[in-house]
N, C-alpha and C. Protein backbone atom coordinates (compact mmCIF):
# COMPACT_ATOMS: atom_id res chain seq x y z
N UNK A 1 1.69 9.30 -0.21
CA UNK A 1 1.58 9.79 -1.57
C UNK A 1 0.68 8.86 -2.37
N UNK A 2 -0.11 9.42 -3.26
CA UNK A 2 -1.01 8.64 -4.10
C UNK A 2 -0.20 8.03 -5.24
N UNK A 3 -0.35 6.73 -5.47
CA UNK A 3 0.35 6.06 -6.55
C UNK A 3 -0.61 5.81 -7.70
N UNK A 4 -0.07 5.81 -8.92
CA UNK A 4 -0.82 5.47 -10.13
C UNK A 4 -2.07 6.33 -10.32
N UNK A 5 -2.04 7.58 -9.92
CA UNK A 5 -3.18 8.45 -10.13
C UNK A 5 -2.70 9.71 -10.82
N UNK A 6 -2.67 9.66 -12.17
CA UNK A 6 -2.15 10.80 -12.92
C UNK A 6 -3.11 11.98 -12.92
N UNK A 7 -4.35 11.77 -12.47
CA UNK A 7 -5.34 12.83 -12.48
C UNK A 7 -5.49 13.48 -11.11
N UNK A 8 -4.65 13.12 -10.16
CA UNK A 8 -4.82 13.60 -8.79
C UNK A 8 -4.53 15.10 -8.65
N UNK A 9 -3.57 15.60 -9.43
CA UNK A 9 -3.16 16.98 -9.27
C UNK A 9 -3.89 17.87 -10.26
N UNK A 10 -4.94 18.54 -9.83
CA UNK A 10 -5.72 19.41 -10.71
C UNK A 10 -5.09 20.81 -10.83
N UNK A 11 -4.41 21.25 -9.80
CA UNK A 11 -3.78 22.57 -9.88
C UNK A 11 -2.45 22.54 -9.14
N UNK A 12 -1.74 23.64 -9.19
CA UNK A 12 -0.39 23.70 -8.62
C UNK A 12 -0.39 23.44 -7.12
N UNK A 13 -1.36 24.00 -6.38
CA UNK A 13 -1.40 23.80 -4.94
C UNK A 13 -1.63 22.33 -4.59
N UNK A 14 -2.54 21.68 -5.30
CA UNK A 14 -2.79 20.26 -5.07
C UNK A 14 -1.54 19.46 -5.37
N UNK A 15 -0.83 19.83 -6.46
CA UNK A 15 0.38 19.12 -6.83
C UNK A 15 1.42 19.23 -5.73
N UNK A 16 1.57 20.40 -5.13
CA UNK A 16 2.54 20.58 -4.06
C UNK A 16 2.16 19.77 -2.83
N UNK A 17 0.88 19.76 -2.48
CA UNK A 17 0.43 19.01 -1.31
C UNK A 17 0.68 17.52 -1.50
N UNK A 18 0.46 17.02 -2.73
CA UNK A 18 0.64 15.60 -3.00
C UNK A 18 2.10 15.21 -3.24
N UNK A 19 3.00 16.19 -3.27
CA UNK A 19 4.42 15.91 -3.42
C UNK A 19 4.89 15.80 -4.86
N UNK A 20 4.11 16.27 -5.83
CA UNK A 20 4.55 16.24 -7.21
C UNK A 20 5.59 17.33 -7.42
N UNK A 21 6.55 17.05 -8.28
CA UNK A 21 7.57 18.04 -8.60
C UNK A 21 7.30 18.63 -9.96
N UNK A 22 7.70 19.88 -10.20
CA UNK A 22 7.52 20.46 -11.53
C UNK A 22 8.31 19.67 -12.57
N UNK A 23 7.82 19.67 -13.79
CA UNK A 23 8.48 18.95 -14.86
C UNK A 23 9.77 19.67 -15.25
N UNK A 24 10.86 18.91 -15.47
CA UNK A 24 12.12 19.55 -15.84
C UNK A 24 12.11 20.07 -17.26
N UNK A 25 12.89 21.10 -17.51
CA UNK A 25 13.02 21.63 -18.87
C UNK A 25 14.03 20.80 -19.64
N UNK A 26 13.90 20.77 -20.92
CA UNK A 26 14.81 20.04 -21.78
C UNK A 26 16.18 20.70 -21.78
N UNK A 27 17.21 19.91 -22.00
CA UNK A 27 18.55 20.47 -22.10
C UNK A 27 18.77 21.11 -23.47
N UNK A 28 17.95 20.71 -24.44
CA UNK A 28 18.12 21.25 -25.79
C UNK A 28 16.86 22.02 -26.20
N UNK A 29 17.00 23.29 -26.35
CA UNK A 29 15.90 24.09 -26.86
C UNK A 29 14.90 24.57 -25.82
N UNK A 30 15.02 24.17 -24.58
CA UNK A 30 14.12 24.63 -23.54
C UNK A 30 12.70 24.11 -23.66
N UNK A 31 12.46 23.04 -24.43
CA UNK A 31 11.11 22.50 -24.56
C UNK A 31 10.75 21.70 -23.32
N UNK A 32 9.49 21.78 -22.89
CA UNK A 32 9.10 21.05 -21.69
C UNK A 32 9.13 19.54 -21.92
N UNK A 33 9.57 18.83 -20.90
CA UNK A 33 9.60 17.38 -20.92
C UNK A 33 8.71 16.85 -19.82
N UNK A 34 8.27 15.63 -19.94
CA UNK A 34 7.48 15.01 -18.90
C UNK A 34 7.98 13.59 -18.68
N UNK A 35 7.77 13.06 -17.51
CA UNK A 35 8.23 11.73 -17.13
C UNK A 35 7.18 10.71 -17.51
N UNK A 36 7.56 9.63 -18.18
CA UNK A 36 6.65 8.55 -18.50
C UNK A 36 7.39 7.23 -18.39
N UNK A 37 7.08 6.46 -17.38
CA UNK A 37 7.69 5.15 -17.15
C UNK A 37 9.21 5.24 -17.15
N UNK A 38 9.76 6.26 -16.51
CA UNK A 38 11.20 6.39 -16.39
C UNK A 38 11.87 7.10 -17.55
N UNK A 39 11.19 7.35 -18.64
CA UNK A 39 11.77 8.03 -19.79
C UNK A 39 11.21 9.44 -19.87
N UNK A 40 12.08 10.38 -20.28
CA UNK A 40 11.60 11.74 -20.50
C UNK A 40 11.06 11.83 -21.92
N UNK A 41 9.85 12.37 -22.04
CA UNK A 41 9.20 12.47 -23.35
C UNK A 41 8.86 13.92 -23.62
N UNK A 42 9.09 14.34 -24.87
CA UNK A 42 8.79 15.71 -25.24
C UNK A 42 7.30 15.89 -25.48
N UNK A 43 6.81 17.05 -25.10
CA UNK A 43 5.41 17.38 -25.36
C UNK A 43 5.25 17.76 -26.82
N UNK A 44 4.07 17.45 -27.35
CA UNK A 44 3.73 17.77 -28.72
C UNK A 44 2.39 18.48 -28.77
N UNK A 45 2.15 19.15 -29.87
CA UNK A 45 0.86 19.78 -30.11
C UNK A 45 0.03 18.81 -30.94
N UNK A 46 -1.24 18.69 -30.60
CA UNK A 46 -2.12 17.80 -31.35
C UNK A 46 -3.55 18.29 -31.29
N UNK A 47 -4.40 17.61 -32.02
CA UNK A 47 -5.83 17.93 -32.02
C UNK A 47 -6.62 16.63 -32.04
N UNK A 48 -7.79 16.67 -31.45
CA UNK A 48 -8.72 15.54 -31.49
C UNK A 48 -10.05 16.07 -31.96
N UNK A 49 -10.60 15.45 -33.00
CA UNK A 49 -11.94 15.79 -33.49
C UNK A 49 -12.89 14.69 -33.04
N UNK A 50 -14.00 15.09 -32.45
CA UNK A 50 -14.98 14.15 -31.90
C UNK A 50 -16.31 14.39 -32.60
N UNK A 51 -16.85 13.36 -33.24
CA UNK A 51 -18.16 13.42 -33.86
C UNK A 51 -19.12 12.64 -32.96
N UNK A 52 -20.11 13.35 -32.44
CA UNK A 52 -21.10 12.74 -31.54
C UNK A 52 -22.34 12.42 -32.36
N UNK A 53 -22.57 11.13 -32.60
CA UNK A 53 -23.72 10.69 -33.39
C UNK A 53 -24.89 10.28 -32.50
N UNK A 54 -24.60 9.93 -31.24
CA UNK A 54 -25.62 9.55 -30.27
C UNK A 54 -25.30 10.24 -28.96
N UNK A 55 -26.29 10.85 -28.36
CA UNK A 55 -26.05 11.61 -27.12
C UNK A 55 -26.15 10.75 -25.87
N UNK A 56 -26.21 9.43 -26.02
CA UNK A 56 -26.31 8.53 -24.87
C UNK A 56 -25.05 8.53 -24.01
N UNK A 57 -23.88 8.73 -24.61
CA UNK A 57 -22.61 8.64 -23.87
C UNK A 57 -21.95 10.00 -23.65
N UNK A 58 -22.70 11.08 -23.78
CA UNK A 58 -22.11 12.41 -23.65
C UNK A 58 -21.56 12.65 -22.25
N UNK A 59 -22.25 12.17 -21.22
CA UNK A 59 -21.75 12.35 -19.85
C UNK A 59 -20.42 11.62 -19.65
N UNK A 60 -20.32 10.40 -20.15
CA UNK A 60 -19.06 9.66 -20.06
C UNK A 60 -17.95 10.37 -20.84
N UNK A 61 -18.29 10.90 -22.01
CA UNK A 61 -17.32 11.63 -22.82
C UNK A 61 -16.80 12.85 -22.06
N UNK A 62 -17.71 13.61 -21.46
CA UNK A 62 -17.30 14.79 -20.70
C UNK A 62 -16.44 14.42 -19.49
N UNK A 63 -16.74 13.30 -18.85
CA UNK A 63 -15.91 12.83 -17.72
C UNK A 63 -14.48 12.52 -18.18
N UNK A 64 -14.36 11.85 -19.32
CA UNK A 64 -13.04 11.52 -19.87
C UNK A 64 -12.28 12.79 -20.22
N UNK A 65 -12.96 13.73 -20.87
CA UNK A 65 -12.31 14.99 -21.23
C UNK A 65 -11.87 15.75 -19.97
N UNK A 66 -12.69 15.75 -18.93
CA UNK A 66 -12.34 16.43 -17.68
C UNK A 66 -11.12 15.81 -17.03
N UNK A 67 -11.01 14.49 -17.09
CA UNK A 67 -9.84 13.82 -16.49
C UNK A 67 -8.55 14.16 -17.23
N UNK A 68 -8.65 14.57 -18.48
CA UNK A 68 -7.49 14.93 -19.28
C UNK A 68 -7.35 16.45 -19.42
N UNK A 69 -7.94 17.20 -18.54
CA UNK A 69 -7.95 18.66 -18.63
C UNK A 69 -6.55 19.26 -18.65
N UNK A 70 -5.58 18.58 -18.06
CA UNK A 70 -4.22 19.10 -17.99
C UNK A 70 -3.52 19.23 -19.33
N UNK A 71 -3.99 18.52 -20.34
CA UNK A 71 -3.35 18.61 -21.66
C UNK A 71 -4.18 19.40 -22.67
N UNK A 72 -5.36 19.85 -22.26
CA UNK A 72 -6.26 20.55 -23.19
C UNK A 72 -5.98 22.04 -23.16
N UNK A 73 -5.65 22.59 -24.32
CA UNK A 73 -5.41 24.03 -24.47
C UNK A 73 -6.71 24.73 -24.82
N UNK A 74 -7.51 24.12 -25.70
CA UNK A 74 -8.75 24.74 -26.14
C UNK A 74 -9.78 23.69 -26.53
N UNK A 75 -11.05 24.10 -26.46
CA UNK A 75 -12.16 23.21 -26.80
C UNK A 75 -13.22 24.04 -27.52
N UNK A 76 -13.73 23.50 -28.64
CA UNK A 76 -14.78 24.17 -29.39
C UNK A 76 -15.86 23.15 -29.73
N UNK A 77 -17.09 23.47 -29.41
CA UNK A 77 -18.21 22.59 -29.72
C UNK A 77 -19.11 23.21 -30.77
N UNK A 78 -19.54 22.38 -31.73
CA UNK A 78 -20.41 22.85 -32.81
C UNK A 78 -21.63 21.95 -32.91
N UNK A 79 -22.80 22.44 -32.47
CA UNK A 79 -24.01 21.64 -32.66
C UNK A 79 -24.43 21.66 -34.12
N UNK A 80 -24.96 20.54 -34.58
CA UNK A 80 -25.37 20.43 -35.98
C UNK A 80 -26.88 20.22 -36.05
N UNK A 81 -27.47 20.58 -37.16
CA UNK A 81 -28.93 20.48 -37.33
C UNK A 81 -29.39 19.03 -37.47
N UNK A 82 -28.53 18.13 -37.94
CA UNK A 82 -28.93 16.75 -38.17
C UNK A 82 -28.74 15.87 -36.93
N UNK A 83 -28.84 16.45 -35.75
CA UNK A 83 -28.77 15.74 -34.46
C UNK A 83 -27.39 15.13 -34.18
N UNK A 84 -26.36 15.69 -34.81
CA UNK A 84 -24.99 15.33 -34.47
C UNK A 84 -24.28 16.58 -33.96
N UNK A 85 -23.18 16.37 -33.27
CA UNK A 85 -22.38 17.49 -32.78
C UNK A 85 -20.91 17.18 -33.04
N UNK A 86 -20.12 18.24 -33.13
CA UNK A 86 -18.68 18.10 -33.34
C UNK A 86 -17.98 18.86 -32.22
N UNK A 87 -16.98 18.22 -31.62
CA UNK A 87 -16.13 18.89 -30.64
C UNK A 87 -14.70 18.80 -31.14
N UNK A 88 -14.00 19.91 -31.09
CA UNK A 88 -12.59 19.97 -31.48
C UNK A 88 -11.77 20.32 -30.24
N UNK A 89 -10.76 19.54 -29.95
CA UNK A 89 -9.86 19.79 -28.82
C UNK A 89 -8.46 20.08 -29.35
N UNK A 90 -7.84 21.13 -28.83
CA UNK A 90 -6.44 21.43 -29.12
C UNK A 90 -5.65 21.02 -27.88
N UNK A 91 -4.60 20.21 -28.08
CA UNK A 91 -3.91 19.59 -26.96
C UNK A 91 -2.42 19.89 -26.99
N UNK A 92 -1.81 19.84 -25.81
CA UNK A 92 -0.35 19.84 -25.68
C UNK A 92 0.00 18.80 -24.64
N UNK A 93 0.62 17.73 -25.10
CA UNK A 93 0.98 16.64 -24.19
C UNK A 93 1.87 15.64 -24.90
N UNK A 94 2.25 14.60 -24.20
CA UNK A 94 3.05 13.55 -24.82
C UNK A 94 2.16 12.72 -25.72
N UNK A 95 2.77 11.93 -26.58
CA UNK A 95 1.98 11.05 -27.44
C UNK A 95 1.19 10.06 -26.61
N UNK A 96 1.72 9.64 -25.47
CA UNK A 96 1.00 8.72 -24.58
C UNK A 96 -0.26 9.37 -24.01
N UNK A 97 -0.14 10.63 -23.56
CA UNK A 97 -1.28 11.33 -22.99
C UNK A 97 -2.37 11.58 -24.04
N UNK A 98 -1.95 12.01 -25.23
CA UNK A 98 -2.92 12.26 -26.31
C UNK A 98 -3.56 10.96 -26.76
N UNK A 99 -2.77 9.90 -26.86
CA UNK A 99 -3.30 8.59 -27.24
C UNK A 99 -4.27 8.03 -26.22
N UNK A 100 -3.99 8.28 -24.94
CA UNK A 100 -4.89 7.83 -23.87
C UNK A 100 -6.25 8.49 -24.00
N UNK A 101 -6.25 9.80 -24.22
CA UNK A 101 -7.50 10.54 -24.37
C UNK A 101 -8.29 10.05 -25.58
N UNK A 102 -7.64 9.98 -26.74
CA UNK A 102 -8.36 9.58 -27.95
C UNK A 102 -8.79 8.13 -27.89
N UNK A 103 -8.01 7.26 -27.27
CA UNK A 103 -8.37 5.86 -27.13
C UNK A 103 -9.59 5.65 -26.26
N UNK A 104 -9.63 6.35 -25.13
CA UNK A 104 -10.79 6.23 -24.22
C UNK A 104 -12.06 6.76 -24.88
N UNK A 105 -11.94 7.88 -25.60
CA UNK A 105 -13.10 8.44 -26.29
C UNK A 105 -13.56 7.53 -27.42
N UNK A 106 -12.62 6.93 -28.14
CA UNK A 106 -12.95 6.09 -29.27
C UNK A 106 -13.69 4.81 -28.91
N UNK A 107 -13.59 4.39 -27.66
CA UNK A 107 -14.29 3.18 -27.21
C UNK A 107 -15.75 3.43 -26.84
N UNK A 108 -16.16 4.69 -26.80
CA UNK A 108 -17.55 4.99 -26.45
C UNK A 108 -18.46 4.77 -27.66
N UNK A 109 -19.61 4.10 -27.46
CA UNK A 109 -20.53 3.89 -28.58
C UNK A 109 -21.19 5.21 -29.00
N UNK A 110 -21.37 5.38 -30.31
CA UNK A 110 -22.02 6.59 -30.83
C UNK A 110 -21.10 7.77 -30.95
N UNK A 111 -19.78 7.54 -30.75
CA UNK A 111 -18.80 8.63 -30.83
C UNK A 111 -17.66 8.18 -31.74
N UNK A 112 -17.32 9.03 -32.70
CA UNK A 112 -16.21 8.75 -33.61
C UNK A 112 -15.11 9.76 -33.33
N UNK A 113 -13.86 9.30 -33.32
CA UNK A 113 -12.73 10.15 -32.92
C UNK A 113 -11.59 10.03 -33.94
N UNK A 114 -10.97 11.16 -34.24
CA UNK A 114 -9.75 11.19 -35.04
C UNK A 114 -8.77 12.13 -34.34
N UNK A 115 -7.50 11.72 -34.29
CA UNK A 115 -6.50 12.58 -33.66
C UNK A 115 -5.32 12.78 -34.60
N UNK A 116 -4.68 13.93 -34.45
CA UNK A 116 -3.49 14.27 -35.22
C UNK A 116 -2.47 14.83 -34.24
N UNK A 117 -1.23 14.34 -34.33
CA UNK A 117 -0.15 14.85 -33.50
C UNK A 117 0.95 15.35 -34.43
N UNK A 118 1.38 16.59 -34.22
CA UNK A 118 2.42 17.18 -35.05
C UNK A 118 3.79 16.66 -34.65
N UNK A 119 4.66 16.49 -35.64
CA UNK A 119 6.04 16.09 -35.38
C UNK A 119 6.81 17.27 -34.83
N UNK A 120 7.82 16.97 -34.02
CA UNK A 120 8.73 18.00 -33.55
C UNK A 120 9.85 18.15 -34.56
N UNK A 121 9.97 19.32 -35.15
CA UNK A 121 11.00 19.53 -36.15
C UNK A 121 12.40 19.40 -35.57
N UNK A 122 12.58 19.66 -34.27
CA UNK A 122 13.87 19.54 -33.63
C UNK A 122 14.36 18.10 -33.58
N UNK A 123 13.40 17.13 -33.60
CA UNK A 123 13.76 15.72 -33.49
C UNK A 123 13.94 15.04 -34.84
N UNK A 124 13.60 15.71 -35.94
CA UNK A 124 13.73 15.10 -37.26
C UNK A 124 15.19 15.04 -37.67
N UNK A 125 15.54 13.94 -38.31
CA UNK A 125 16.91 13.79 -38.83
C UNK A 125 16.90 14.09 -40.32
N UNK A 126 17.90 14.79 -40.80
CA UNK A 126 17.95 15.18 -42.21
C UNK A 126 18.81 14.23 -42.98
């Protein structure tokens, strides 16, 4: 079995061959959970906005986005007339997964990133 490779399973068949198990459902509310360092973490909805000011790192940016394809629900790209571009990603994943994606993108020169993760209303205390 491959260790420490969270990007190894691209589809269900690959996941089965590599011995990955499906993620268990939550006991409360049926929300999907995922395993992270021994703790079960709830998935959240989030978005990442990417402003591309220099096209030198676009290939690296696309590689990073491809490695995180499992949490991406949607992607929209908007070319701009002033030689900049905007990409909007809609995500569903744990805060760790979303943070990993936005952190890796944010370290690329010529690229600015902002992310927003919605709170789970089921977890809020009144």
